[in-house]
Amino acid sequence: MDDVRSNTPEPVIPGWRLILSDAGRLWASREEPFCALAFHAGAERTVDADSLEALRAETDRQETIAQQARQRAAGQVIS
């Protein structure tokens, strides 16, 4: 697997390390683990997709799960 960022000066998805598999599948692994609350809410640290657009959508979804878990823990209303 090759690190997609190796030839890019800035991260393609900030906070996530991108990897291109030998089979051409894109993977992203969060550089910092999610907190226990986010993990137990279902946030995944490593995700995959067929395209960069789909990978961005999936990493955004994971970040949203984590944010909602933190908000619930803080007693905030989530809309």
Protein backbone atom coordinates (compact mmCIF):
# COMPACT_ATOMS: atom_id res chain seq x y z
CA MET A 1 0.00 0.00 0.00
CA ASP A 2 1.19 3.50 -0.77
CA ASP A 3 0.58 6.59 1.34
CA VAL A 4 -1.50 8.86 -0.91
CA ARG A 5 -0.10 11.94 0.85
CA SER A 6 3.54 11.12 0.14
CA ASN A 7 3.59 13.43 -2.90
CA THR A 8 1.15 15.99 -1.50
CA PRO A 9 2.30 18.89 0.71
CA GLU A 10 -1.03 19.14 2.59
CA PRO A 11 -3.32 16.38 3.82
CA VAL A 12 -6.11 15.50 1.40
CA ILE A 13 -8.42 14.92 4.38
CA PRO A 14 -7.05 16.78 7.42
CA GLY A 15 -6.51 14.51 10.40
CA TRP A 16 -6.70 11.34 8.30
CA ARG A 17 -3.89 9.36 6.67
CA LEU A 18 -4.84 8.15 3.19
CA ILE A 19 -3.63 4.88 1.75
CA LEU A 20 -4.04 3.43 -1.73
CA SER A 21 -4.11 -0.37 -1.71
CA ASP A 22 -2.40 -2.48 -4.34
CA ALA A 23 -5.90 -3.25 -5.66
CA GLY A 24 -6.62 0.48 -6.10
CA ARG A 25 -8.99 0.82 -3.13
CA LEU A 26 -8.73 3.96 -1.01
CA TRP A 27 -8.42 3.72 2.75
CA ALA A 28 -8.26 6.41 5.42
CA SER A 29 -7.05 5.98 8.96
CA ARG A 30 -7.57 8.70 11.54
CA GLU A 31 -4.25 9.98 12.82
CA GLU A 32 -5.56 10.30 16.38
CA PRO A 33 -7.81 7.61 17.82
CA PHE A 34 -11.38 8.61 18.62
CA CYS A 35 -12.19 9.00 22.30
CA ALA A 36 -13.92 6.10 24.06
CA LEU A 37 -17.32 7.82 23.79
CA ALA A 38 -17.01 8.11 20.02
CA PHE A 39 -15.68 4.58 19.68
CA HIS A 40 -18.62 3.14 21.64
CA ALA A 41 -21.02 5.25 19.55
CA GLY A 42 -19.69 3.50 16.45
CA ALA A 43 -17.05 5.86 15.06
CA GLU A 44 -14.54 3.87 13.02
CA ARG A 45 -10.89 4.93 12.91
CA THR A 46 -10.21 3.21 9.57
CA VAL A 47 -12.59 3.34 6.60
CA ASP A 48 -12.44 2.54 2.88
CA ALA A 49 -14.16 3.61 -0.33
CA ASP A 50 -13.98 3.36 -4.11
CA SER A 51 -13.37 7.07 -4.75
CA LEU A 52 -11.85 10.06 -2.99
CA GLU A 53 -15.28 11.74 -2.89
CA ALA A 54 -16.81 8.68 -1.20
CA LEU A 55 -13.86 8.47 1.20
CA ARG A 56 -14.31 12.10 2.22
CA ALA A 57 -18.01 11.48 2.80
CA GLU A 58 -17.21 8.46 4.97
CA THR A 59 -14.58 10.26 7.07
CA ASP A 60 -17.05 13.13 7.53
CA ARG A 61 -19.65 10.61 8.69
CA GLN A 62 -17.24 9.18 11.24
CA GLU A 63 -16.38 12.66 12.55
CA THR A 64 -20.11 13.43 12.85
CA ILE A 65 -20.69 10.25 14.87
CA ALA A 66 -17.86 11.30 17.20
CA GLN A 67 -19.14 14.87 17.52
CA GLN A 68 -22.67 13.70 18.32
CA ALA A 69 -21.34 11.31 20.97
CA ARG A 70 -19.45 14.15 22.63
CA GLN A 71 -22.51 16.39 22.49
CA ARG A 72 -24.74 13.70 24.04
CA ALA A 73 -22.18 13.21 26.81
CA ALA A 74 -22.20 16.94 27.46
CA GLY A 75 -26.01 16.93 27.62
CA GLN A 76 -26.44 19.01 24.47
CA VAL A 77 -29.43 18.64 22.19
CA ILE A 78 -28.56 17.19 18.77
CA SER A 79 -30.74 18.23 15.85
